[in-house]
PDB file of N, CA and C in Angstrom:
ATOM      1  N   MET A   1      25.158  21.466   3.013  1.00  0.00           N
ATOM      2  CA  MET A   1      23.909  20.833   3.197  1.00  0.00           C
ATOM      3  C   MET A   1      24.333  19.615   1.919  1.00  0.00           C
ATOM      4  N   THR A   2      23.653  18.310   2.397  1.00  0.00           N
ATOM      5  CA  THR A   2      24.167  16.892   1.455  1.00  0.00           C
ATOM      6  C   THR A   2      22.909  16.597   1.260  1.00  0.00           C
ATOM      7  N   HIS A   3      22.365  16.178  -0.106  1.00  0.00           N
ATOM      8  CA  HIS A   3      21.700  15.288  -0.808  1.00  0.00           C
ATOM      9  C   HIS A   3      21.576  13.947  -0.612  1.00  0.00           C
ATOM     10  N   ALA A   4      20.334  13.259  -0.693  1.00  0.00           N
ATOM     11  CA  ALA A   4      19.654  11.833  -0.332  1.00  0.00           C
ATOM     12  C   ALA A   4      20.153  11.622  -1.706  1.00  0.00           C
ATOM     13  N   ARG A   5      21.113   9.940  -1.489  1.00  0.00           N
ATOM     14  CA  ARG A   5      21.167   9.671  -3.237  1.00  0.00           C
ATOM     15  C   ARG A   5      19.820   9.121  -3.891  1.00  0.00           C
ATOM     16  N   ILE A   6      19.916   9.392  -5.063  1.00  0.00           N
ATOM     17  CA  ILE A   6      18.489   8.782  -5.692  1.00  0.00           C
ATOM     18  C   ILE A   6      19.069   7.865  -6.259  1.00  0.00           C
ATOM     19  N   PRO A   7      18.326   6.666  -5.883  1.00  0.00           N
ATOM     20  CA  PRO A   7      18.348   4.940  -6.417  1.00  0.00           C
ATOM     21  C   PRO A   7      18.073   5.082  -7.999  1.00  0.00           C
ATOM     22  N   ASP A   8      18.866   4.300  -9.039  1.00  0.00           N
ATOM     23  CA  ASP A   8      18.522   3.995 -10.483  1.00  0.00           C
ATOM     24  C   ASP A   8      17.567   3.425 -10.363  1.00  0.00           C
ATOM     25  N   PHE A   9      16.541   3.092 -10.601  1.00  0.00           N
ATOM     26  CA  PHE A   9      15.076   1.951 -10.656  1.00  0.00           C
ATOM     27  C   PHE A   9      15.605   1.497 -11.872  1.00  0.00           C
ATOM     28  N   SER A  10      16.455   2.124 -13.224  1.00  0.00           N
ATOM     29  CA  SER A  10      16.486   1.238 -14.306  1.00  0.00           C
ATOM     30  C   SER A  10      17.205   0.117 -14.522  1.00  0.00           C
ATOM     31  N   GLN A  11      17.829  -0.135 -13.324  1.00  0.00           N
ATOM     32  CA  GLN A  11      18.938  -1.009 -13.350  1.00  0.00           C
ATOM     33  C   GLN A  11      18.601  -2.353 -12.482  1.00  0.00           C
ATOM     34  N   PRO A  12      19.192  -3.732 -12.798  1.00  0.00           N
ATOM     35  CA  PRO A  12      18.268  -4.640 -12.115  1.00  0.00           C
ATOM     36  C   PRO A  12      18.608  -4.978 -10.702  1.00  0.00           C
ATOM     37  N   VAL A  13      17.917  -6.099 -10.349  1.00  0.00           N
ATOM     38  CA  VAL A  13      18.038  -6.119  -8.624  1.00  0.00           C
ATOM     39  C   VAL A  13      19.062  -6.305  -8.259  1.00  0.00           C
ATOM     40  N   PRO A  14      19.681  -5.783  -7.247  1.00  0.00           N
ATOM     41  CA  PRO A  14      21.296  -6.180  -7.086  1.00  0.00           C
ATOM     42  C   PRO A  14      21.237  -7.762  -6.252  1.00  0.00           C
ATOM     43  N   VAL A  15      21.831  -8.110  -6.042  1.00  0.00           N
ATOM     44  CA  VAL A  15      22.041  -9.355  -5.408  1.00  0.00           C
ATOM     45  C   VAL A  15      22.890  -9.358  -3.676  1.00  0.00           C
ATOM     46  N   ARG A  16      21.988  -9.669  -3.159  1.00  0.00           N
ATOM     47  CA  ARG A  16      22.180  -9.620  -1.559  1.00  0.00           C
ATOM     48  C   ARG A  16      23.068 -10.865  -1.174  1.00  0.00           C
ATOM     49  N   MET A  17      24.019 -10.027  -0.511  1.00  0.00           N
ATOM     50  CA  MET A  17      25.094 -11.278  -0.009  1.00  0.00           C
ATOM     51  C   MET A  17      24.814 -11.749   1.689  1.00  0.00           C
ATOM     52  N   ILE A  18      24.302 -12.826   1.471  1.00  0.00           N
ATOM     53  CA  ILE A  18      23.711 -13.219   3.518  1.00  0.00           C
ATOM     54  C   ILE A  18      24.799 -14.322   4.038  1.00  0.00           C
ATOM     55  N   VAL A  19      25.129 -13.414   5.316  1.00  0.00           N
ATOM     56  CA  VAL A  19      26.209 -14.104   6.107  1.00  0.00           C
ATOM     57  C   VAL A  19      25.386 -15.329   6.828  1.00  0.00           C
ATOM     58  N   THR A  20      25.898 -16.519   6.403  1.00  0.00           N
ATOM     59  CA  THR A  20      25.506 -17.514   7.134  1.00  0.00           C
ATOM     60  C   THR A  20      26.020 -18.324   8.225  1.00  0.00           C
ATOM     61  N   PRO A  21      25.612 -19.085   9.016  1.00  0.00           N
ATOM     62  CA  PRO A  21      27.152 -19.958  10.056  1.00  0.00           C
ATOM     63  C   PRO A  21      28.108 -20.536   9.052  1.00  0.00           C
ATOM     64  N   GLY A  22      27.299 -21.006   7.927  1.00  0.00           N
ATOM     65  CA  GLY A  22      28.042 -22.203   6.928  1.00  0.00           C
ATOM     66  C   GLY A  22      29.403 -21.177   6.178  1.00  0.00           C
ATOM     67  N   GLY A  23      28.458 -20.005   5.997  1.00  0.00           N
ATOM     68  CA  GLY A  23      29.448 -19.314   4.978  1.00  0.00           C
ATOM     69  C   GLY A  23      28.688 -18.266   5.027  1.00  0.00           C
ATOM     70  N   VAL A  24      28.840 -17.707   3.589  1.00  0.00           N
ATOM     71  CA  VAL A  24      27.674 -16.300   2.797  1.00  0.00           C
ATOM     72  C   VAL A  24      27.544 -17.317   1.282  1.00  0.00           C
ATOM     73  N   GLU A  25      26.057 -16.741   1.609  1.00  0.00           N
ATOM     74  CA  GLU A  25      25.050 -17.173   0.253  1.00  0.00           C
ATOM     75  C   GLU A  25      25.031 -16.289  -0.720  1.00  0.00           C
ATOM     76  N   SER A  26      24.731 -16.187  -2.039  1.00  0.00           N
ATOM     77  CA  SER A  26      23.925 -15.122  -2.623  1.00  0.00           C
ATOM     78  C   SER A  26      22.742 -15.529  -3.071  1.00  0.00           C
ATOM     79  N   ARG A  27      21.316 -13.930  -2.526  1.00  0.00           N
ATOM     80  CA  ARG A  27      20.299 -14.629  -2.873  1.00  0.00           C
ATOM     81  C   ARG A  27      20.231 -13.228  -3.580  1.00  0.00           C
ATOM     82  N   GLN A  28      18.862 -13.639  -4.190  1.00  0.00           N
ATOM     83  CA  GLN A  28      18.226 -12.227  -4.867  1.00  0.00           C
ATOM     84  C   GLN A  28      17.101 -11.371  -4.257  1.00  0.00           C
ATOM     85  N   ALA A  29      16.907 -10.142  -4.252  1.00  0.00           N
ATOM     86  CA  ALA A  29      16.105  -9.769  -3.116  1.00  0.00           C
ATOM     87  C   ALA A  29      14.605 -10.287  -3.882  1.00  0.00           C
ATOM     88  N   VAL A  30      13.718 -10.381  -3.408  1.00  0.00           N
ATOM     89  CA  VAL A  30      12.211 -10.736  -3.625  1.00  0.00           C
ATOM     90  C   VAL A  30      11.457  -9.820  -3.249  1.00  0.00           C
ATOM     91  N   GLU A  31      10.698  -9.856  -3.588  1.00  0.00           N
ATOM     92  CA  GLU A  31       9.215  -8.934  -3.066  1.00  0.00           C
ATOM     93  C   GLU A  31       8.310  -9.925  -2.383  1.00  0.00           C
ATOM     94  N   PRO A  32       7.455  -9.392  -1.327  1.00  0.00           N
ATOM     95  CA  PRO A  32       6.479  -9.953  -0.885  1.00  0.00           C
ATOM     96  C   PRO A  32       5.436 -10.011  -1.489  1.00  0.00           C
ATOM     97  N   VAL A  33       4.426 -11.265  -1.047  1.00  0.00           N
ATOM     98  CA  VAL A  33       3.502 -11.911  -2.122  1.00  0.00           C
ATOM     99  C   VAL A  33       2.544 -12.381  -1.178  1.00  0.00           C
ATOM    100  N   ARG A  34       1.284 -11.692  -1.188  1.00  0.00           N
ATOM    101  CA  ARG A  34       0.118 -11.739  -0.449  1.00  0.00           C
ATOM    102  C   ARG A  34      -0.762 -13.319  -0.631  1.00  0.00           C
ATOM    103  N   LEU A  35      -0.710 -13.849  -0.067  1.00  0.00           N
ATOM    104  CA  LEU A  35      -1.443 -15.353  -0.233  1.00  0.00           C
ATOM    105  C   LEU A  35      -2.641 -14.908  -0.429  1.00  0.00           C
ATOM    106  N   ASP A  36      -3.123 -15.821  -1.383  1.00  0.00           N
ATOM    107  CA  ASP A  36      -4.645 -15.601  -1.920  1.00  0.00           C
ATOM    108  C   ASP A  36      -5.816 -16.380  -0.952  1.00  0.00           C
ATOM    109  N   THR A  37      -5.695 -16.110   0.075  1.00  0.00           N
ATOM    110  CA  THR A  37      -6.481 -17.133   1.306  1.00  0.00           C
ATOM    111  C   THR A  37      -7.362 -16.236   1.894  1.00  0.00           C
ATOM    112  N   THR A  38      -8.593 -17.017   2.776  1.00  0.00           N
ATOM    113  CA  THR A  38      -9.377 -16.073   2.949  1.00  0.00           C
ATOM    114  C   THR A  38      -8.475 -14.899   4.383  1.00  0.00           C
ATOM    115  N   HIS A  39      -7.868 -15.486   4.665  1.00  0.00           N
ATOM    116  CA  HIS A  39      -7.321 -14.494   5.765  1.00  0.00           C
ATOM    117  C   HIS A  39      -6.492 -13.587   5.170  1.00  0.00           C
ATOM    118  N   GLY A  40      -6.053 -13.541   3.710  1.00  0.00           N
ATOM    119  CA  GLY A  40      -5.307 -12.611   3.070  1.00  0.00           C
ATOM    120  C   GLY A  40      -6.538 -11.805   2.335  1.00  0.00           C
ATOM    121  N   ARG A  41      -7.714 -12.359   2.131  1.00  0.00           N
ATOM    122  CA  ARG A  41      -8.275 -11.222   0.948  1.00  0.00           C
ATOM    123  C   ARG A  41      -9.415 -10.622   2.020  1.00  0.00           C
ATOM    124  N   SER A  42      -9.597 -10.808   3.575  1.00  0.00           N
ATOM    125  CA  SER A  42     -10.293 -10.365   4.249  1.00  0.00           C
ATOM    126  C   SER A  42      -9.844  -8.627   4.605  1.00  0.00           C
ATOM    127  N   PRO A  43      -8.933  -8.519   5.449  1.00  0.00           N
ATOM    128  CA  PRO A  43      -8.184  -6.958   5.327  1.00  0.00           C
ATOM    129  C   PRO A  43      -8.119  -6.059   3.804  1.00  0.00           C
ATOM    130  N   ARG A  44      -8.123  -6.756   2.875  1.00  0.00           N
ATOM    131  CA  ARG A  44      -8.335  -6.126   1.383  1.00  0.00           C
ATOM    132  C   ARG A  44      -9.705  -5.573   1.021  1.00  0.00           C
ATOM    133  N   PHE A  45     -10.855  -6.706   1.569  1.00  0.00           N
ATOM    134  CA  PHE A  45     -12.160  -6.402   1.234  1.00  0.00           C
ATOM    135  C   PHE A  45     -12.649  -5.508   2.796  1.00  0.00           C
ATOM    136  N   LEU A  46     -11.831  -5.723   3.393  1.00  0.00           N
ATOM    137  CA  LEU A  46     -12.251  -4.429   4.481  1.00  0.00           C
ATOM    138  C   LEU A  46     -12.300  -3.135   4.537  1.00  0.00           C
ATOM    139  N   GLY A  47     -10.593  -3.469   3.657  1.00  0.00           N
ATOM    140  CA  GLY A  47     -10.461  -1.984   3.255  1.00  0.00           C
ATOM    141  C   GLY A  47     -11.113  -0.998   1.889  1.00  0.00           C
ATOM    142  N   VAL A  48     -11.291  -2.048   1.089  1.00  0.00           N
ATOM    143  CA  VAL A  48     -12.165  -1.350   0.095  1.00  0.00           C
ATOM    144  C   VAL A  48     -13.619  -1.156   0.273  1.00  0.00           C
ATOM    145  N   ALA A  49     -13.881  -2.187   1.403  1.00  0.00           N
ATOM    146  CA  ALA A  49     -15.485  -1.770   1.932  1.00  0.00           C
ATOM    147  C   ALA A  49     -15.713  -0.140   2.471  1.00  0.00           C
ATOM    148  N   GLY A  50     -14.423  -0.184   3.480  1.00  0.00           N
ATOM    149  CA  GLY A  50     -14.319   1.277   4.281  1.00  0.00           C
ATOM    150  C   GLY A  50     -13.909   2.391   3.396  1.00  0.00           C
ATOM    151  N   GLU A  51     -13.337   2.155   2.167  1.00  0.00           N
ATOM    152  CA  GLU A  51     -13.020   3.435   1.116  1.00  0.00           C
ATOM    153  C   GLU A  51     -14.254   3.884   0.659  1.00  0.00           C
ATOM    154  N   LEU A  52     -15.419   2.651   0.324  1.00  0.00           N
ATOM    155  CA  LEU A  52     -16.636   2.961  -0.438  1.00  0.00           C
ATOM    156  C   LEU A  52     -17.461   3.625   0.620  1.00  0.00           C
ATOM    157  N   LEU A  53     -17.412   3.265   2.061  1.00  0.00           N
ATOM    158  CA  LEU A  53     -18.500   3.793   3.066  1.00  0.00           C
ATOM    159  C   LEU A  53     -17.511   5.375   3.449  1.00  0.00           C
ATOM    160  N   ALA A  54     -16.547   5.420   3.149  1.00  0.00           N
ATOM    161  CA  ALA A  54     -16.497   6.495   3.717  1.00  0.00           C
ATOM    162  C   ALA A  54     -16.475   8.122   2.396  1.00  0.00           C
ATOM    163  N   ALA A  55     -16.843   7.212   1.337  1.00  0.00           N
ATOM    164  CA  ALA A  55     -17.020   7.827  -0.020  1.00  0.00           C
ATOM    165  C   ALA A  55     -18.409   8.157  -0.035  1.00  0.00           C
ATOM    166  N   VAL A  56     -19.363   6.917   0.525  1.00  0.00           N
ATOM    167  CA  VAL A  56     -20.596   7.520   0.525  1.00  0.00           C
ATOM    168  C   VAL A  56     -21.125   8.570   1.469  1.00  0.00           C
ATOM    169  N   VAL A  57     -20.091   8.313   2.744  1.00  0.00           N
ATOM    170  CA  VAL A  57     -20.450   9.814   3.766  1.00  0.00           C
ATOM    171  C   VAL A  57     -20.336  11.157   3.495  1.00  0.00           C
ATOM    172  N   ILE A  58     -19.043  10.791   2.600  1.00  0.00           N
ATOM    173  CA  ILE A  58     -18.459  12.014   2.027  1.00  0.00           C
ATOM    174  C   ILE A  58     -19.417  12.949   1.216  1.00  0.00           C
ATOM    175  N   ILE A  59     -19.953  12.157   0.094  1.00  0.00           N
ATOM    176  CA  ILE A  59     -20.795  12.788  -0.668  1.00  0.00           C
ATOM    177  C   ILE A  59     -22.129  13.047   0.079  1.00  0.00           C
ATOM    178  N   GLY A  60     -22.626  12.025   0.235  1.00  0.00           N
ATOM    179  CA  GLY A  60     -24.132  12.199   1.219  1.00  0.00           C
ATOM    180  C   GLY A  60     -24.229  13.395   2.052  1.00  0.00           C
ATOM    181  N   GLY A  61     -22.897  13.641   2.660  1.00  0.00           N
ATOM    182  CA  GLY A  61     -22.781  14.812   4.049  1.00  0.00           C
ATOM    183  C   GLY A  61     -22.641  16.470   3.144  1.00  0.00           C
ATOM    184  N   GLY A  62     -22.232  16.097   1.577  1.00  0.00           N
ATOM    185  CA  GLY A  62     -21.945  16.999   1.084  1.00  0.00           C
ATOM    186  C   GLY A  62     -23.156  17.907   0.640  1.00  0.00           C
ATOM    187  N   MET A  63     -24.158  16.574  -0.165  1.00  0.00           N
ATOM    188  CA  MET A  63     -25.606  16.779  -0.825  1.00  0.00           C
ATOM    189  C   MET A  63     -26.570  17.080   0.508  1.00  0.00           C
ATOM    190  N   ILE A  64     -26.268  16.599   1.766  1.00  0.00           N
ATOM    191  CA  ILE A  64     -27.052  17.198   2.710  1.00  0.00           C
ATOM    192  C   ILE A  64     -26.538  18.567   2.818  1.00  0.00           C
ATOM    193  N   LEU A  65     -25.282  18.934   3.426  1.00  0.00           N
ATOM    194  CA  LEU A  65     -25.135  20.140   3.752  1.00  0.00           C
ATOM    195  C   LEU A  65     -25.320  21.067   2.399  1.00  0.00           C
ATOM    196  N   THR A  66     -25.564  21.028   1.196  1.00  0.00           N
ATOM    197  CA  THR A  66     -25.725  21.872   0.054  1.00  0.00           C
ATOM    198  C   THR A  66     -27.215  22.119   0.248  1.00  0.00           C
ATOM    199  N   GLY A  67     -28.395  20.959   0.593  1.00  0.00           N
ATOM    200  CA  GLY A  67     -29.655  21.124   0.994  1.00  0.00           C
ATOM    201  C   GLY A  67     -29.685  21.792   1.440  1.00  0.00           C
ATOM    202  N   LEU A  68     -28.950  22.003   2.901  1.00  0.00           N
ATOM    203  CA  LEU A  68     -29.422  22.838   4.091  1.00  0.00           C
ATOM    204  C   LEU A  68     -29.192  24.364   3.587  1.00  0.00           C
ATOM    205  N   ALA A  69     -28.155  24.925   2.896  1.00  0.00           N
ATOM    206  CA  ALA A  69     -27.797  25.786   2.821  1.00  0.00           C
ATOM    207  C   ALA A  69     -28.532  26.502   1.305  1.00  0.00           C
ATOM    208  N   SER A  70     -29.499  25.736   0.745  1.00  0.00           N
ATOM    209  CA  SER A  70     -30.399  25.857   0.268  1.00  0.00           C
ATOM    210  C   SER A  70     -31.960  26.296   0.536  1.00  0.00           C
ATOM    211  N   LEU A  71     -31.785  25.960   1.761  1.00  0.00           N
ATOM    212  CA  LEU A  71     -33.193  26.364   2.697  1.00  0.00           C
ATOM    213  C   LEU A  71     -33.037  28.011   2.502  1.00  0.00           C
ATOM    214  N   PRO A  72     -34.595  28.454   2.610  1.00  0.00           N
ATOM    215  CA  PRO A  72     -34.931  29.565   3.158  1.00  0.00           C
ATOM    216  C   PRO A  72     -34.779  30.778   4.465  1.00  0.00           C
TER     217      PRO A  72
END
């Protein structure tokens, strides 16, 4: 049985070699950045609003079920 190699995250980001038609270029790996525009903020807002709505529904449903369970 072979085990997956665990990456060493304490080391710096490796330099990637990119082959282009003109030759080989070395570039550093970069992380994706979300632009702070209305098109970038709206999915985040909708995600947060959905999470809050789900929390309200779950908590409210639990309160209603608890109330129904305590009826004589």
